[in-house]
Amino acid sequence: MISLFFKALTVLHTLFRQQIIPASLEQVWDFFSDPHNLNTLTPPEMNFHILTDPLARMFPGQLIEYRVEFIRGLPWLWVTEIAHMRENEYFVDEQRLGPYQFWYHEHSFRVASGGVQMTDRVNYSIGYGPLGDLINRVWVARRLQNIFDYRVAKIAQLFPGGD
């Protein structure tokens, strides 16, 4: 009964980012559709490791298992599924097991002035009703912003040539 009460109070949060990548759509897609590149895009202090041996190219239904430290010294098992994908346009990873009650991350790509506009939209919930909302405001949202700030900077290094 208490569990149903907290689920009813669950708040969905959204993180939204856009970035112009000065490269061709094919180059950008080739990079982002290779699950091994997640290591490059994750801050080193998170001790991110892919546990499964994914293929070099993602595909719908692919499950990828990771170990990651959101809090230093506390490893989490995280399993995501590439739930939806359209070549050179978008893919969605959804959490199947991990730290969030709900995680839906859409990566979309389109040709734009100066290269490729990449858009990340993450809808997530950590659960626990009002307590989870407070934890999000105090820590989780800021932590996710920092992770995506790192990604933006890393992508700019990997694809130089923009202003």
Protein backbone atom coordinates (compact mmCIF):
# COMPACT_ATOMS: atom_id res chain seq x y z
CA MET A 1 0.00 0.00 0.00
CA ILE A 2 2.79 2.43 0.90
CA SER A 3 4.58 1.52 -2.33
CA LEU A 4 1.49 2.45 -4.37
CA PHE A 5 1.27 5.75 -2.49
CA PHE A 6 4.86 6.68 -3.41
CA LYS A 7 4.39 5.60 -7.04
CA ALA A 8 1.38 7.90 -7.27
CA LEU A 9 3.55 10.79 -6.06
CA THR A 10 6.46 10.05 -8.42
CA VAL A 11 7.67 13.09 -10.33
CA LEU A 12 9.10 12.80 -13.84
CA HIS A 13 12.14 15.02 -14.48
CA THR A 14 13.63 16.04 -17.82
CA LEU A 15 17.15 16.91 -18.86
CA PHE A 16 17.47 18.53 -22.30
CA ARG A 17 20.65 19.30 -24.23
CA GLN A 18 21.50 20.29 -27.79
CA GLN A 19 24.90 20.55 -29.39
CA ILE A 20 26.14 21.25 -32.91
CA ILE A 21 28.83 18.75 -33.88
CA PRO A 22 31.01 19.94 -36.80
CA ALA A 23 31.06 16.66 -38.72
CA SER A 24 28.96 14.73 -41.20
CA LEU A 25 25.87 12.86 -40.10
CA GLU A 26 27.55 9.57 -41.01
CA GLN A 27 30.61 10.34 -38.84
CA VAL A 28 28.47 11.36 -35.88
CA TRP A 29 26.16 8.36 -36.22
CA ASP A 30 29.12 5.96 -36.53
CA PHE A 31 30.54 7.30 -33.26
CA PHE A 32 27.30 7.31 -31.25
CA SER A 33 26.03 3.97 -32.55
CA ASP A 34 29.12 2.20 -31.18
CA PRO A 35 28.37 1.31 -27.51
CA HIS A 36 32.09 1.13 -26.72
CA ASN A 37 32.26 4.93 -27.04
CA LEU A 38 30.18 5.30 -23.87
CA ASN A 39 33.44 4.91 -21.95
CA THR A 40 34.84 7.98 -23.69
CA LEU A 41 31.75 10.08 -22.94
CA THR A 42 31.51 9.25 -19.23
CA PRO A 43 33.48 11.21 -16.62
CA PRO A 44 36.45 9.12 -15.41
CA GLU A 45 35.52 9.50 -11.73
CA MET A 46 32.39 7.44 -12.39
CA ASN A 47 34.52 4.31 -13.03
CA PHE A 48 32.24 3.33 -15.89
CA HIS A 49 32.77 -0.18 -17.29
CA ILE A 50 30.74 -2.09 -19.84
CA LEU A 51 30.31 -5.63 -18.49
CA THR A 52 28.79 -7.21 -21.59
CA ASP A 53 30.67 -7.37 -24.87
CA PRO A 54 28.40 -5.37 -27.17
CA LEU A 55 28.72 -5.50 -30.91
CA ALA A 56 30.42 -2.59 -32.61
CA ARG A 57 27.04 -1.24 -33.80
CA MET A 58 23.91 -0.94 -31.72
CA PHE A 59 20.64 -2.54 -32.71
CA PRO A 60 17.06 -2.43 -31.39
CA GLY A 61 16.65 -4.81 -28.48
CA GLN A 62 20.34 -4.74 -27.56
CA LEU A 63 20.95 -5.02 -23.82
CA ILE A 64 24.08 -3.40 -22.43
CA GLU A 65 25.19 -4.05 -18.86
CA TYR A 66 27.44 -1.56 -17.06
CA ARG A 67 28.99 -0.94 -13.71
CA VAL A 68 29.09 2.74 -12.78
CA GLU A 69 29.71 4.79 -9.65
CA PHE A 70 27.28 7.67 -9.25
CA ILE A 71 28.61 7.98 -5.70
CA ARG A 72 32.37 7.43 -5.36
CA GLY A 73 33.09 3.91 -4.12
CA LEU A 74 29.53 2.61 -4.54
CA PRO A 75 29.25 0.66 -7.81
CA TRP A 76 25.81 0.20 -9.36
CA LEU A 77 24.77 -2.38 -11.88
CA TRP A 78 22.95 -0.65 -14.73
CA VAL A 79 21.30 -2.45 -17.65
CA THR A 80 19.89 -0.48 -20.56
CA GLU A 81 18.12 -1.61 -23.69
CA ILE A 82 18.31 0.08 -27.07
CA ALA A 83 14.54 0.18 -27.26
CA HIS A 84 14.09 2.20 -30.47
CA MET A 85 16.40 3.18 -33.28
CA ARG A 86 16.26 4.67 -36.74
CA GLU A 87 19.63 4.70 -38.51
CA ASN A 88 21.16 8.21 -38.79
CA GLU A 89 18.16 9.76 -36.98
CA TYR A 90 17.73 8.64 -33.38
CA PHE A 91 18.01 5.93 -30.78
CA VAL A 92 16.49 5.47 -27.34
CA ASP A 93 18.05 3.72 -24.40
CA GLU A 94 15.74 2.65 -21.58
CA GLN A 95 16.85 1.42 -18.19
CA ARG A 96 15.92 -2.18 -17.44
CA LEU A 97 17.81 -2.41 -14.13
CA GLY A 98 19.57 0.34 -12.25
CA PRO A 99 19.46 3.30 -9.95
CA TYR A 100 16.42 5.06 -11.42
CA GLN A 101 12.80 4.10 -11.10
CA PHE A 102 12.42 5.24 -14.72
CA TRP A 103 15.01 6.24 -17.37
CA TYR A 104 14.21 7.06 -21.02
CA HIS A 105 17.03 8.73 -22.99
CA GLU A 106 16.45 9.78 -26.58
CA HIS A 107 19.43 10.81 -28.70
CA SER A 108 18.44 12.45 -31.97
CA PHE A 109 20.57 13.70 -34.85
CA ARG A 110 19.80 15.99 -37.78
CA VAL A 111 21.85 17.86 -40.34
CA ALA A 112 22.10 21.53 -39.36
CA SER A 113 24.15 24.58 -40.22
CA GLY A 114 27.70 23.82 -39.14
CA GLY A 115 27.30 20.04 -38.94
CA VAL A 116 24.91 17.85 -36.99
CA GLN A 117 22.54 18.98 -34.27
CA MET A 118 22.51 16.35 -31.57
CA THR A 119 19.68 16.50 -29.05
CA ASP A 120 19.59 14.58 -25.81
CA ARG A 121 16.30 14.35 -23.94
CA VAL A 122 16.31 12.32 -20.74
CA ASN A 123 13.08 11.67 -18.87
CA TYR A 124 13.75 10.08 -15.51
CA SER A 125 12.41 9.49 -12.05
CA ILE A 126 14.24 8.30 -9.00
CA GLY A 127 11.00 7.33 -7.27
CA TYR A 128 10.28 7.68 -3.55
CA GLY A 129 7.66 10.39 -4.01
CA PRO A 130 8.41 13.75 -2.36
CA LEU A 131 11.64 12.41 -0.84
CA GLY A 132 12.91 11.44 -4.30
CA ASP A 133 11.95 14.86 -5.66
CA LEU A 134 13.96 16.50 -2.88
CA ILE A 135 16.95 14.22 -3.57
CA ASN A 136 16.69 15.16 -7.25
CA ARG A 137 16.70 18.89 -6.49
CA VAL A 138 19.56 18.64 -4.02
CA TRP A 139 21.83 16.18 -5.82
CA VAL A 140 20.68 14.07 -8.81
CA ALA A 141 19.75 16.89 -11.23
CA ARG A 142 23.06 18.66 -10.58
CA ARG A 143 24.97 15.39 -10.99
CA LEU A 144 23.28 14.70 -14.34
CA GLN A 145 24.02 18.27 -15.50
CA ASN A 146 27.70 17.72 -14.67
CA ILE A 147 27.77 14.42 -16.56
CA PHE A 148 26.24 16.03 -19.65
CA ASP A 149 28.57 19.05 -19.33
CA TYR A 150 31.46 16.58 -19.48
CA ARG A 151 29.92 14.95 -22.56
CA VAL A 152 29.55 18.30 -24.35
CA ALA A 153 33.21 19.15 -23.68
CA LYS A 154 34.41 15.67 -24.70
CA ILE A 155 32.39 15.74 -27.93
CA ALA A 156 33.88 19.15 -28.76
CA GLN A 157 37.37 17.63 -28.32
CA LEU A 158 36.54 14.56 -30.41
CA PHE A 159 34.97 16.56 -33.23
CA PRO A 160 37.01 19.77 -33.45
CA GLY A 161 36.32 22.39 -36.07
CA GLY A 162 33.43 24.36 -34.60
CA ASP A 163 33.63 27.93 -33.38
